[in-house]
PDB file of N, CA and C in Angstrom:
ATOM      1  N   UNK A   1      59.995 157.252 234.490  1.00  0.00           N
ATOM      2  CA  UNK A   1      60.456 157.146 236.022  1.00  0.00           C
ATOM      3  C   UNK A   1      61.009 158.850 236.004  1.00  0.00           C
ATOM      4  N   UNK A   2      61.930 159.371 235.081  1.00  0.00           N
ATOM      5  CA  UNK A   2      61.943 160.668 235.087  1.00  0.00           C
ATOM      6  C   UNK A   2      61.139 161.664 235.402  1.00  0.00           C
ATOM      7  N   UNK A   3      59.990 161.668 234.572  1.00  0.00           N
ATOM      8  CA  UNK A   3      59.015 162.598 233.986  1.00  0.00           C
ATOM      9  C   UNK A   3      58.327 163.096 235.467  1.00  0.00           C
ATOM     10  N   UNK A   4      58.241 162.146 236.261  1.00  0.00           N
ATOM     11  CA  UNK A   4      57.356 162.671 237.709  1.00  0.00           C
ATOM     12  C   UNK A   4      58.630 163.504 238.409  1.00  0.00           C
ATOM     13  N   UNK A   5      59.495 163.599 238.553  1.00  0.00           N
ATOM     14  CA  UNK A   5      60.537 164.079 239.031  1.00  0.00           C
ATOM     15  C   UNK A   5      60.957 165.492 238.652  1.00  0.00           C
ATOM     16  N   UNK A   6      60.880 165.414 237.082  1.00  0.00           N
ATOM     17  CA  UNK A   6      60.925 166.682 236.286  1.00  0.00           C
ATOM     18  C   UNK A   6      59.758 167.562 236.944  1.00  0.00           C
ATOM     19  N   UNK A   7      58.443 166.855 236.884  1.00  0.00           N
ATOM     20  CA  UNK A   7      57.323 167.752 237.148  1.00  0.00           C
ATOM     21  C   UNK A   7      57.212 168.595 238.422  1.00  0.00           C
ATOM     22  N   UNK A   8      58.041 167.545 239.643  1.00  0.00           N
ATOM     23  CA  UNK A   8      58.362 168.221 240.880  1.00  0.00           C
ATOM     24  C   UNK A   8      58.953 169.203 240.697  1.00  0.00           C
ATOM     25  N   UNK A   9      60.178 169.270 239.564  1.00  0.00           N
ATOM     26  CA  UNK A   9      61.112 170.178 239.745  1.00  0.00           C
ATOM     27  C   UNK A   9      60.469 171.698 239.279  1.00  0.00           C
ATOM     28  N   UNK A  10      59.427 171.163 238.262  1.00  0.00           N
ATOM     29  CA  UNK A  10      58.633 172.594 237.992  1.00  0.00           C
ATOM     30  C   UNK A  10      57.807 173.151 239.035  1.00  0.00           C
ATOM     31  N   UNK A  11      57.194 172.419 239.743  1.00  0.00           N
ATOM     32  CA  UNK A  11      56.369 172.913 240.815  1.00  0.00           C
ATOM     33  C   UNK A  11      57.153 173.283 242.023  1.00  0.00           C
ATOM     34  N   UNK A  12      58.453 172.919 242.170  1.00  0.00           N
ATOM     35  CA  UNK A  12      59.293 173.512 243.265  1.00  0.00           C
ATOM     36  C   UNK A  12      59.768 174.924 242.485  1.00  0.00           C
ATOM     37  N   UNK A  13      59.455 175.293 241.448  1.00  0.00           N
ATOM     38  CA  UNK A  13      59.614 176.754 240.776  1.00  0.00           C
ATOM     39  C   UNK A  13      58.646 177.612 241.438  1.00  0.00           C
ATOM     40  N   UNK A  14      57.108 176.925 241.596  1.00  0.00           N
ATOM     41  CA  UNK A  14      56.204 177.882 242.078  1.00  0.00           C
ATOM     42  C   UNK A  14      56.598 178.304 243.693  1.00  0.00           C
ATOM     43  N   UNK A  15      57.243 177.671 244.104  1.00  0.00           N
ATOM     44  CA  UNK A  15      57.496 177.904 245.688  1.00  0.00           C
ATOM     45  C   UNK A  15      58.470 178.952 245.767  1.00  0.00           C
ATOM     46  N   UNK A  16      59.730 179.100 244.833  1.00  0.00           N
ATOM     47  CA  UNK A  16      60.428 179.650 245.000  1.00  0.00           C
ATOM     48  C   UNK A  16      59.872 181.495 244.623  1.00  0.00           C
ATOM     49  N   UNK A  17      58.645 181.421 244.201  1.00  0.00           N
ATOM     50  CA  UNK A  17      58.001 182.721 243.895  1.00  0.00           C
ATOM     51  C   UNK A  17      56.831 183.140 244.665  1.00  0.00           C
ATOM     52  N   UNK A  18      56.665 182.206 245.999  1.00  0.00           N
ATOM     53  CA  UNK A  18      55.846 182.801 246.920  1.00  0.00           C
ATOM     54  C   UNK A  18      56.617 182.813 248.165  1.00  0.00           C
ATOM     55  N   UNK A  19      56.602 184.174 248.824  1.00  0.00           N
ATOM     56  CA  UNK A  19      57.251 184.813 250.067  1.00  0.00           C
ATOM     57  C   UNK A  19      56.596 184.602 251.249  1.00  0.00           C
ATOM     58  N   UNK A  20      56.735 184.438 252.162  1.00  0.00           N
ATOM     59  CA  UNK A  20      56.453 183.965 253.890  1.00  0.00           C
ATOM     60  C   UNK A  20      55.518 185.381 253.836  1.00  0.00           C
ATOM     61  N   UNK A  21      55.461 186.293 253.692  1.00  0.00           N
ATOM     62  CA  UNK A  21      54.491 187.767 253.730  1.00  0.00           C
ATOM     63  C   UNK A  21      53.369 187.912 252.737  1.00  0.00           C
ATOM     64  N   UNK A  22      53.004 186.634 252.278  1.00  0.00           N
ATOM     65  CA  UNK A  22      51.721 186.782 251.377  1.00  0.00           C
ATOM     66  C   UNK A  22      52.193 187.619 249.860  1.00  0.00           C
ATOM     67  N   UNK A  23      53.537 187.722 249.652  1.00  0.00           N
ATOM     68  CA  UNK A  23      53.833 188.206 248.582  1.00  0.00           C
ATOM     69  C   UNK A  23      54.373 187.426 247.384  1.00  0.00           C
ATOM     70  N   UNK A  24      54.481 187.726 246.238  1.00  0.00           N
ATOM     71  CA  UNK A  24      54.763 186.783 244.994  1.00  0.00           C
ATOM     72  C   UNK A  24      56.127 187.733 244.338  1.00  0.00           C
ATOM     73  N   UNK A  25      56.920 186.943 244.002  1.00  0.00           N
ATOM     74  CA  UNK A  25      57.875 187.774 242.844  1.00  0.00           C
ATOM     75  C   UNK A  25      59.118 186.533 242.259  1.00  0.00           C
ATOM     76  N   UNK A  26      59.996 187.369 241.811  1.00  0.00           N
ATOM     77  CA  UNK A  26      61.156 186.511 241.230  1.00  0.00           C
ATOM     78  C   UNK A  26      62.353 186.876 242.024  1.00  0.00           C
ATOM     79  N   UNK A  27      63.307 185.755 242.369  1.00  0.00           N
ATOM     80  CA  UNK A  27      64.755 186.195 243.037  1.00  0.00           C
ATOM     81  C   UNK A  27      65.581 185.620 242.170  1.00  0.00           C
ATOM     82  N   UNK A  28      66.944 185.733 242.692  1.00  0.00           N
ATOM     83  CA  UNK A  28      67.892 184.872 241.444  1.00  0.00           C
ATOM     84  C   UNK A  28      67.886 183.630 241.695  1.00  0.00           C
ATOM     85  N   UNK A  29      67.458 183.081 243.020  1.00  0.00           N
ATOM     86  CA  UNK A  29      67.005 181.752 242.807  1.00  0.00           C
ATOM     87  C   UNK A  29      66.124 181.104 242.124  1.00  0.00           C
ATOM     88  N   UNK A  30      65.057 181.859 242.069  1.00  0.00           N
ATOM     89  CA  UNK A  30      63.925 181.651 240.740  1.00  0.00           C
ATOM     90  C   UNK A  30      64.577 181.572 239.798  1.00  0.00           C
ATOM     91  N   UNK A  31      65.379 182.378 239.287  1.00  0.00           N
ATOM     92  CA  UNK A  31      66.014 182.426 237.614  1.00  0.00           C
ATOM     93  C   UNK A  31      66.692 181.179 237.720  1.00  0.00           C
ATOM     94  N   UNK A  32      67.797 180.716 238.549  1.00  0.00           N
ATOM     95  CA  UNK A  32      68.610 179.707 238.553  1.00  0.00           C
ATOM     96  C   UNK A  32      67.778 178.466 238.268  1.00  0.00           C
ATOM     97  N   UNK A  33      66.641 178.137 239.159  1.00  0.00           N
ATOM     98  CA  UNK A  33      66.148 176.990 239.399  1.00  0.00           C
ATOM     99  C   UNK A  33      65.394 177.056 238.101  1.00  0.00           C
ATOM    100  N   UNK A  34      64.743 178.070 237.287  1.00  0.00           N
ATOM    101  CA  UNK A  34      63.973 178.175 236.129  1.00  0.00           C
ATOM    102  C   UNK A  34      64.903 177.737 234.981  1.00  0.00           C
ATOM    103  N   UNK A  35      65.911 178.289 234.878  1.00  0.00           N
ATOM    104  CA  UNK A  35      67.113 177.525 233.874  1.00  0.00           C
ATOM    105  C   UNK A  35      67.346 176.185 233.760  1.00  0.00           C
ATOM    106  N   UNK A  36      67.688 175.793 235.166  1.00  0.00           N
ATOM    107  CA  UNK A  36      67.738 174.495 235.499  1.00  0.00           C
ATOM    108  C   UNK A  36      66.644 173.281 235.007  1.00  0.00           C
ATOM    109  N   UNK A  37      65.576 174.069 235.340  1.00  0.00           N
ATOM    110  CA  UNK A  37      64.271 173.068 234.944  1.00  0.00           C
ATOM    111  C   UNK A  37      64.004 172.854 233.505  1.00  0.00           C
ATOM    112  N   UNK A  38      64.223 174.397 232.590  1.00  0.00           N
ATOM    113  CA  UNK A  38      64.644 174.194 231.217  1.00  0.00           C
ATOM    114  C   UNK A  38      65.150 173.224 230.689  1.00  0.00           C
ATOM    115  N   UNK A  39      66.719 173.162 230.801  1.00  0.00           N
ATOM    116  CA  UNK A  39      67.718 172.733 230.450  1.00  0.00           C
ATOM    117  C   UNK A  39      67.457 170.977 230.895  1.00  0.00           C
ATOM    118  N   UNK A  40      66.821 170.971 232.030  1.00  0.00           N
ATOM    119  CA  UNK A  40      66.636 169.249 232.285  1.00  0.00           C
ATOM    120  C   UNK A  40      65.548 168.895 231.530  1.00  0.00           C
ATOM    121  N   UNK A  41      64.436 169.663 231.180  1.00  0.00           N
ATOM    122  CA  UNK A  41      63.490 169.507 230.232  1.00  0.00           C
ATOM    123  C   UNK A  41      63.861 169.188 228.861  1.00  0.00           C
ATOM    124  N   UNK A  42      64.876 169.841 228.575  1.00  0.00           N
ATOM    125  CA  UNK A  42      65.500 169.626 227.058  1.00  0.00           C
ATOM    126  C   UNK A  42      66.264 168.366 227.034  1.00  0.00           C
ATOM    127  N   UNK A  43      66.860 168.042 228.282  1.00  0.00           N
ATOM    128  CA  UNK A  43      67.939 166.756 228.476  1.00  0.00           C
ATOM    129  C   UNK A  43      66.779 165.606 228.261  1.00  0.00           C
ATOM    130  N   UNK A  44      66.174 165.532 228.825  1.00  0.00           N
ATOM    131  CA  UNK A  44      64.914 164.625 229.122  1.00  0.00           C
ATOM    132  C   UNK A  44      64.083 164.259 227.641  1.00  0.00           C
ATOM    133  N   UNK A  45      63.911 165.137 227.279  1.00  0.00           N
ATOM    134  CA  UNK A  45      62.747 165.118 225.688  1.00  0.00           C
ATOM    135  C   UNK A  45      63.588 164.839 224.695  1.00  0.00           C
ATOM    136  N   UNK A  46      65.321 165.009 224.809  1.00  0.00           N
ATOM    137  CA  UNK A  46      65.681 164.459 223.638  1.00  0.00           C
ATOM    138  C   UNK A  46      66.134 163.159 223.800  1.00  0.00           C
ATOM    139  N   UNK A  47      66.125 162.442 224.892  1.00  0.00           N
ATOM    140  CA  UNK A  47      66.563 161.175 224.983  1.00  0.00           C
ATOM    141  C   UNK A  47      66.274 160.185 223.998  1.00  0.00           C
ATOM    142  N   UNK A  48      67.260 159.340 223.968  1.00  0.00           N
ATOM    143  CA  UNK A  48      67.021 158.227 222.967  1.00  0.00           C
ATOM    144  C   UNK A  48      65.848 157.522 222.816  1.00  0.00           C
ATOM    145  N   UNK A  49      65.608 156.832 224.354  1.00  0.00           N
ATOM    146  CA  UNK A  49      64.690 155.810 224.883  1.00  0.00           C
ATOM    147  C   UNK A  49      63.141 156.431 224.417  1.00  0.00           C
ATOM    148  N   UNK A  50      63.193 157.837 225.071  1.00  0.00           N
ATOM    149  CA  UNK A  50      61.812 158.674 224.734  1.00  0.00           C
ATOM    150  C   UNK A  50      61.496 159.039 223.165  1.00  0.00           C
ATOM    151  N   UNK A  51      62.472 158.855 222.034  1.00  0.00           N
ATOM    152  CA  UNK A  51      62.656 159.306 220.896  1.00  0.00           C
ATOM    153  C   UNK A  51      61.482 157.642 220.267  1.00  0.00           C
ATOM    154  N   UNK A  52      62.371 156.555 220.715  1.00  0.00           N
ATOM    155  CA  UNK A  52      62.155 155.008 220.402  1.00  0.00           C
ATOM    156  C   UNK A  52      60.854 154.832 220.766  1.00  0.00           C
ATOM    157  N   UNK A  53      60.281 155.256 221.982  1.00  0.00           N
ATOM    158  CA  UNK A  53      59.007 155.179 222.772  1.00  0.00           C
ATOM    159  C   UNK A  53      57.903 155.767 221.933  1.00  0.00           C
ATOM    160  N   UNK A  54      58.325 156.921 221.223  1.00  0.00           N
ATOM    161  CA  UNK A  54      57.210 157.669 220.719  1.00  0.00           C
ATOM    162  C   UNK A  54      56.934 157.082 219.524  1.00  0.00           C
ATOM    163  N   UNK A  55      58.222 156.748 218.560  1.00  0.00           N
ATOM    164  CA  UNK A  55      57.986 156.414 216.883  1.00  0.00           C
ATOM    165  C   UNK A  55      58.556 154.881 216.663  1.00  0.00           C
ATOM    166  N   UNK A  56      59.483 154.426 217.455  1.00  0.00           N
ATOM    167  CA  UNK A  56      60.029 153.008 217.132  1.00  0.00           C
ATOM    168  C   UNK A  56      59.280 152.152 216.922  1.00  0.00           C
ATOM    169  N   UNK A  57      59.852 150.991 216.358  1.00  0.00           N
ATOM    170  CA  UNK A  57      58.982 149.687 215.886  1.00  0.00           C
ATOM    171  C   UNK A  57      58.157 149.868 215.182  1.00  0.00           C
ATOM    172  N   UNK A  58      58.031 150.833 214.179  1.00  0.00           N
ATOM    173  CA  UNK A  58      56.846 150.803 213.412  1.00  0.00           C
ATOM    174  C   UNK A  58      57.418 151.041 211.843  1.00  0.00           C
ATOM    175  N   UNK A  59      57.050 149.853 211.155  1.00  0.00           N
ATOM    176  CA  UNK A  59      57.574 149.699 209.754  1.00  0.00           C
ATOM    177  C   UNK A  59      57.333 150.992 209.005  1.00  0.00           C
ATOM    178  N   UNK A  60      56.260 151.517 208.868  1.00  0.00           N
ATOM    179  CA  UNK A  60      55.657 152.552 208.259  1.00  0.00           C
ATOM    180  C   UNK A  60      55.255 153.841 209.111  1.00  0.00           C
ATOM    181  N   UNK A  61      55.070 155.172 208.606  1.00  0.00           N
ATOM    182  CA  UNK A  61      54.310 155.879 209.587  1.00  0.00           C
ATOM    183  C   UNK A  61      53.356 156.923 208.233  1.00  0.00           C
ATOM    184  N   UNK A  62      52.550 155.894 207.873  1.00  0.00           N
ATOM    185  CA  UNK A  62      51.633 156.576 207.104  1.00  0.00           C
ATOM    186  C   UNK A  62      50.043 157.009 207.251  1.00  0.00           C
ATOM    187  N   UNK A  63      49.723 155.983 208.218  1.00  0.00           N
ATOM    188  CA  UNK A  63      48.365 156.175 208.505  1.00  0.00           C
ATOM    189  C   UNK A  63      47.925 156.440 210.017  1.00  0.00           C
ATOM    190  N   UNK A  64      46.554 156.942 210.141  1.00  0.00           N
ATOM    191  CA  UNK A  64      46.361 156.800 211.833  1.00  0.00           C
ATOM    192  C   UNK A  64      47.329 157.426 212.628  1.00  0.00           C
ATOM    193  N   UNK A  65      47.357 156.681 213.872  1.00  0.00           N
ATOM    194  CA  UNK A  65      48.289 156.969 215.156  1.00  0.00           C
ATOM    195  C   UNK A  65      49.786 156.908 214.631  1.00  0.00           C
ATOM    196  N   UNK A  66      49.844 156.114 213.829  1.00  0.00           N
ATOM    197  CA  UNK A  66      51.409 155.614 213.365  1.00  0.00           C
ATOM    198  C   UNK A  66      51.988 157.051 212.651  1.00  0.00           C
ATOM    199  N   UNK A  67      51.027 157.876 212.088  1.00  0.00           N
ATOM    200  CA  UNK A  67      51.677 159.171 211.249  1.00  0.00           C
ATOM    201  C   UNK A  67      52.109 160.176 212.539  1.00  0.00           C
ATOM    202  N   UNK A  68      51.084 159.945 213.476  1.00  0.00           N
ATOM    203  CA  UNK A  68      51.519 160.949 214.418  1.00  0.00           C
ATOM    204  C   UNK A  68      52.542 160.375 215.193  1.00  0.00           C
ATOM    205  N   UNK A  69      52.863 159.164 215.516  1.00  0.00           N
ATOM    206  CA  UNK A  69      54.103 158.780 215.877  1.00  0.00           C
ATOM    207  C   UNK A  69      55.269 159.252 215.267  1.00  0.00           C
ATOM    208  N   UNK A  70      55.013 159.034 213.929  1.00  0.00           N
ATOM    209  CA  UNK A  70      56.201 159.051 213.061  1.00  0.00           C
ATOM    210  C   UNK A  70      56.646 160.714 213.026  1.00  0.00           C
ATOM    211  N   UNK A  71      55.740 161.631 213.238  1.00  0.00           N
ATOM    212  CA  UNK A  71      56.019 163.090 213.337  1.00  0.00           C
ATOM    213  C   UNK A  71      56.741 163.600 214.679  1.00  0.00           C
ATOM    214  N   UNK A  72      56.045 162.979 215.743  1.00  0.00           N
ATOM    215  CA  UNK A  72      56.784 163.061 216.997  1.00  0.00           C
ATOM    216  C   UNK A  72      58.054 162.368 217.157  1.00  0.00           C
ATOM    217  N   UNK A  73      58.398 161.429 216.329  1.00  0.00           N
ATOM    218  CA  UNK A  73      59.681 161.004 216.355  1.00  0.00           C
ATOM    219  C   UNK A  73      60.665 161.565 215.537  1.00  0.00           C
ATOM    220  N   UNK A  74      60.146 162.404 214.836  1.00  0.00           N
ATOM    221  CA  UNK A  74      61.125 163.082 213.589  1.00  0.00           C
ATOM    222  C   UNK A  74      61.228 164.371 214.883  1.00  0.00           C
ATOM    223  N   UNK A  75      60.337 164.763 215.527  1.00  0.00           N
ATOM    224  CA  UNK A  75      60.421 166.368 216.373  1.00  0.00           C
ATOM    225  C   UNK A  75      61.538 165.966 217.500  1.00  0.00           C
ATOM    226  N   UNK A  76      61.451 164.710 217.899  1.00  0.00           N
ATOM    227  CA  UNK A  76      62.406 164.441 219.154  1.00  0.00           C
ATOM    228  C   UNK A  76      63.811 164.095 218.257  1.00  0.00           C
ATOM    229  N   UNK A  77      63.662 163.719 217.120  1.00  0.00           N
ATOM    230  CA  UNK A  77      65.191 163.545 216.614  1.00  0.00           C
ATOM    231  C   UNK A  77      65.923 164.477 216.350  1.00  0.00           C
ATOM    232  N   UNK A  78      65.116 165.777 216.256  1.00  0.00           N
ATOM    233  CA  UNK A  78      65.628 167.127 215.749  1.00  0.00           C
ATOM    234  C   UNK A  78      66.538 167.466 217.398  1.00  0.00           C
ATOM    235  N   UNK A  79      65.882 167.092 218.294  1.00  0.00           N
ATOM    236  CA  UNK A  79      66.396 167.872 219.570  1.00  0.00           C
ATOM    237  C   UNK A  79      67.432 166.977 219.878  1.00  0.00           C
ATOM    238  N   UNK A  80      67.488 165.611 219.499  1.00  0.00           N
ATOM    239  CA  UNK A  80      68.211 164.419 220.209  1.00  0.00           C
ATOM    240  C   UNK A  80      69.850 164.747 219.697  1.00  0.00           C
ATOM    241  N   UNK A  81      69.560 165.244 218.486  1.00  0.00           N
ATOM    242  CA  UNK A  81      71.130 165.840 218.020  1.00  0.00           C
ATOM    243  C   UNK A  81      72.013 166.770 219.038  1.00  0.00           C
ATOM    244  N   UNK A  82      71.424 167.436 219.922  1.00  0.00           N
ATOM    245  CA  UNK A  82      72.086 168.461 221.121  1.00  0.00           C
ATOM    246  C   UNK A  82      71.743 167.471 222.280  1.00  0.00           C
ATOM    247  N   UNK A  83      71.557 166.436 222.298  1.00  0.00           N
ATOM    248  CA  UNK A  83      71.230 165.597 223.470  1.00  0.00           C
ATOM    249  C   UNK A  83      72.601 165.382 224.491  1.00  0.00           C
ATOM    250  N   UNK A  84      73.929 165.664 224.142  1.00  0.00           N
ATOM    251  CA  UNK A  84      75.065 165.728 225.094  1.00  0.00           C
ATOM    252  C   UNK A  84      75.092 167.348 225.605  1.00  0.00           C
ATOM    253  N   UNK A  85      74.779 168.212 224.713  1.00  0.00           N
ATOM    254  CA  UNK A  85      74.873 169.465 225.099  1.00  0.00           C
ATOM    255  C   UNK A  85      73.912 169.729 226.101  1.00  0.00           C
ATOM    256  N   UNK A  86      72.794 169.346 226.134  1.00  0.00           N
ATOM    257  CA  UNK A  86      71.793 169.535 227.123  1.00  0.00           C
ATOM    258  C   UNK A  86      72.335 168.582 228.442  1.00  0.00           C
ATOM    259  N   UNK A  87      73.205 167.780 228.422  1.00  0.00           N
ATOM    260  CA  UNK A  87      73.636 166.845 229.458  1.00  0.00           C
ATOM    261  C   UNK A  87      74.215 167.952 230.271  1.00  0.00           C
ATOM    262  N   UNK A  88      75.348 168.254 229.591  1.00  0.00           N
ATOM    263  CA  UNK A  88      76.403 169.403 230.261  1.00  0.00           C
ATOM    264  C   UNK A  88      75.902 170.172 230.692  1.00  0.00           C
ATOM    265  N   UNK A  89      75.076 171.357 230.253  1.00  0.00           N
ATOM    266  CA  UNK A  89      74.743 172.553 230.888  1.00  0.00           C
ATOM    267  C   UNK A  89      73.487 171.812 231.723  1.00  0.00           C
ATOM    268  N   UNK A  90      72.704 170.984 231.763  1.00  0.00           N
ATOM    269  CA  UNK A  90      71.956 170.502 232.823  1.00  0.00           C
ATOM    270  C   UNK A  90      72.789 170.123 234.103  1.00  0.00           C
ATOM    271  N   UNK A  91      73.836 169.483 234.082  1.00  0.00           N
ATOM    272  CA  UNK A  91      74.635 168.987 235.053  1.00  0.00           C
ATOM    273  C   UNK A  91      75.416 170.270 235.832  1.00  0.00           C
ATOM    274  N   UNK A  92      75.858 171.292 234.862  1.00  0.00           N
ATOM    275  CA  UNK A  92      76.486 172.423 235.320  1.00  0.00           C
ATOM    276  C   UNK A  92      75.488 173.199 236.273  1.00  0.00           C
ATOM    277  N   UNK A  93      74.231 173.249 236.094  1.00  0.00           N
ATOM    278  CA  UNK A  93      73.145 174.334 236.522  1.00  0.00           C
ATOM    279  C   UNK A  93      72.573 173.419 237.446  1.00  0.00           C
ATOM    280  N   UNK A  94      72.344 172.154 237.485  1.00  0.00           N
ATOM    281  CA  UNK A  94      71.851 171.599 238.669  1.00  0.00           C
ATOM    282  C   UNK A  94      73.053 171.680 239.799  1.00  0.00           C
ATOM    283  N   UNK A  95      74.393 171.574 239.293  1.00  0.00           N
ATOM    284  CA  UNK A  95      75.615 171.852 240.682  1.00  0.00           C
ATOM    285  C   UNK A  95      75.308 173.769 240.883  1.00  0.00           C
ATOM    286  N   UNK A  96      75.005 174.529 240.252  1.00  0.00           N
ATOM    287  CA  UNK A  96      74.807 175.580 240.381  1.00  0.00           C
ATOM    288  C   UNK A  96      73.441 176.079 241.458  1.00  0.00           C
ATOM    289  N   UNK A  97      72.408 175.368 240.961  1.00  0.00           N
ATOM    290  CA  UNK A  97      71.158 175.526 241.777  1.00  0.00           C
ATOM    291  C   UNK A  97      71.485 174.948 243.356  1.00  0.00           C
ATOM    292  N   UNK A  98      72.161 173.747 243.225  1.00  0.00           N
ATOM    293  CA  UNK A  98      72.102 173.446 244.703  1.00  0.00           C
ATOM    294  C   UNK A  98      73.331 173.965 245.285  1.00  0.00           C
ATOM    295  N   UNK A  99      74.378 174.491 244.802  1.00  0.00           N
ATOM    296  CA  UNK A  99      75.312 175.581 245.496  1.00  0.00           C
ATOM    297  C   UNK A  99      74.564 176.839 246.013  1.00  0.00           C
ATOM    298  N   UNK A 100      73.861 177.346 244.952  1.00  0.00           N
ATOM    299  CA  UNK A 100      73.021 178.475 245.342  1.00  0.00           C
ATOM    300  C   UNK A 100      71.994 178.240 246.620  1.00  0.00           C
ATOM    301  N   UNK A 101      71.265 177.284 246.536  1.00  0.00           N
ATOM    302  CA  UNK A 101      70.396 177.007 247.601  1.00  0.00           C
ATOM    303  C   UNK A 101      70.743 176.520 249.294  1.00  0.00           C
ATOM    304  N   UNK A 102      72.202 176.129 249.178  1.00  0.00           N
ATOM    305  CA  UNK A 102      72.741 175.683 250.163  1.00  0.00           C
ATOM    306  C   UNK A 102      73.500 176.922 250.645  1.00  0.00           C
ATOM    307  N   UNK A 103      74.028 177.714 249.921  1.00  0.00           N
ATOM    308  CA  UNK A 103      74.543 178.972 250.221  1.00  0.00           C
ATOM    309  C   UNK A 103      73.691 179.953 250.993  1.00  0.00           C
ATOM    310  N   UNK A 104      72.472 179.964 250.565  1.00  0.00           N
ATOM    311  CA  UNK A 104      71.390 180.932 251.055  1.00  0.00           C
ATOM    312  C   UNK A 104      70.886 180.416 252.327  1.00  0.00           C
ATOM    313  N   UNK A 105      70.707 178.902 252.374  1.00  0.00           N
ATOM    314  CA  UNK A 105      70.032 178.383 253.483  1.00  0.00           C
ATOM    315  C   UNK A 105      71.253 178.552 254.968  1.00  0.00           C
ATOM    316  N   UNK A 106      72.331 178.678 254.197  1.00  0.00           N
ATOM    317  CA  UNK A 106      73.651 178.469 255.416  1.00  0.00           C
ATOM    318  C   UNK A 106      74.020 180.225 256.019  1.00  0.00           C
ATOM    319  N   UNK A 107      73.254 180.881 255.102  1.00  0.00           N
ATOM    320  CA  UNK A 107      73.528 182.613 255.272  1.00  0.00           C
ATOM    321  C   UNK A 107      74.841 183.089 254.586  1.00  0.00           C
ATOM    322  N   UNK A 108      75.426 182.184 253.565  1.00  0.00           N
ATOM    323  CA  UNK A 108      76.760 182.749 253.150  1.00  0.00           C
ATOM    324  C   UNK A 108      76.284 183.499 252.224  1.00  0.00           C
ATOM    325  N   UNK A 109      75.044 183.512 251.542  1.00  0.00           N
ATOM    326  CA  UNK A 109      74.885 184.819 250.488  1.00  0.00           C
ATOM    327  C   UNK A 109      73.392 185.116 250.922  1.00  0.00           C
ATOM    328  N   UNK A 110      72.602 186.126 250.280  1.00  0.00           N
ATOM    329  CA  UNK A 110      71.720 186.463 250.442  1.00  0.00           C
ATOM    330  C   UNK A 110      71.011 186.575 249.046  1.00  0.00           C
ATOM    331  N   UNK A 111      69.538 185.694 249.057  1.00  0.00           N
ATOM    332  CA  UNK A 111      69.007 185.885 247.738  1.00  0.00           C
ATOM    333  C   UNK A 111      68.378 187.026 247.563  1.00  0.00           C
ATOM    334  N   UNK A 112      68.552 187.942 246.185  1.00  0.00           N
ATOM    335  CA  UNK A 112      68.201 189.139 246.075  1.00  0.00           C
ATOM    336  C   UNK A 112      66.537 188.897 245.337  1.00  0.00           C
ATOM    337  N   UNK A 113      65.812 189.687 245.585  1.00  0.00           N
ATOM    338  CA  UNK A 113      64.564 189.699 244.637  1.00  0.00           C
ATOM    339  C   UNK A 113      64.702 190.738 243.571  1.00  0.00           C
ATOM    340  N   UNK A 114      64.053 190.033 242.667  1.00  0.00           N
ATOM    341  CA  UNK A 114      63.964 191.389 241.298  1.00  0.00           C
ATOM    342  C   UNK A 114      62.898 192.044 241.139  1.00  0.00           C
ATOM    343  N   UNK A 115      61.297 190.912 241.377  1.00  0.00           N
ATOM    344  CA  UNK A 115      60.423 191.972 241.404  1.00  0.00           C
ATOM    345  C   UNK A 115      59.317 191.254 242.457  1.00  0.00           C
ATOM    346  N   UNK A 116      58.937 192.129 243.255  1.00  0.00           N
ATOM    347  CA  UNK A 116      57.968 191.937 244.139  1.00  0.00           C
ATOM    348  C   UNK A 116      56.727 192.048 243.949  1.00  0.00           C
ATOM    349  N   UNK A 117      55.348 191.663 244.327  1.00  0.00           N
ATOM    350  CA  UNK A 117      54.073 191.638 243.907  1.00  0.00           C
ATOM    351  C   UNK A 117      53.412 191.326 245.473  1.00  0.00           C
ATOM    352  N   UNK A 118      52.865 192.459 245.733  1.00  0.00           N
ATOM    353  CA  UNK A 118      52.056 192.225 247.239  1.00  0.00           C
ATOM    354  C   UNK A 118      52.962 191.934 248.388  1.00  0.00           C
ATOM    355  N   UNK A 119      52.287 191.742 249.674  1.00  0.00           N
ATOM    356  CA  UNK A 119      53.163 191.191 250.537  1.00  0.00           C
ATOM    357  C   UNK A 119      53.357 192.769 251.136  1.00  0.00           C
ATOM    358  N   UNK A 120      53.788 192.614 252.391  1.00  0.00           N
ATOM    359  CA  UNK A 120      54.554 193.858 253.263  1.00  0.00           C
ATOM    360  C   UNK A 120      56.110 194.061 253.115  1.00  0.00           C
TER     361      UNK A 120
END
């Protein structure tokens, strides 16, 4: 259920790189939303449920697809150790991203451009 929402989050980042004057670039908001999406991706992919969906309920991981599932289970288990860390970092960055977006939309702060390509 969360994977489609995460994909939409990544898709939104592409919209922060497109400007109204047919230009492209990176802004402060792009960086914040990118970091937020990276941390949310690590949080979701280090989830206990995803780990057991990938390789759980198997007696042995020796042949065929079970070997692949076992390897996937092992890789997810490595990042699962930091699941709590990714939760807190993601929570903080979601707050910062939302606050940044609201502040820019209300004119409290101006989003600064770092790299501009094309446009007038």
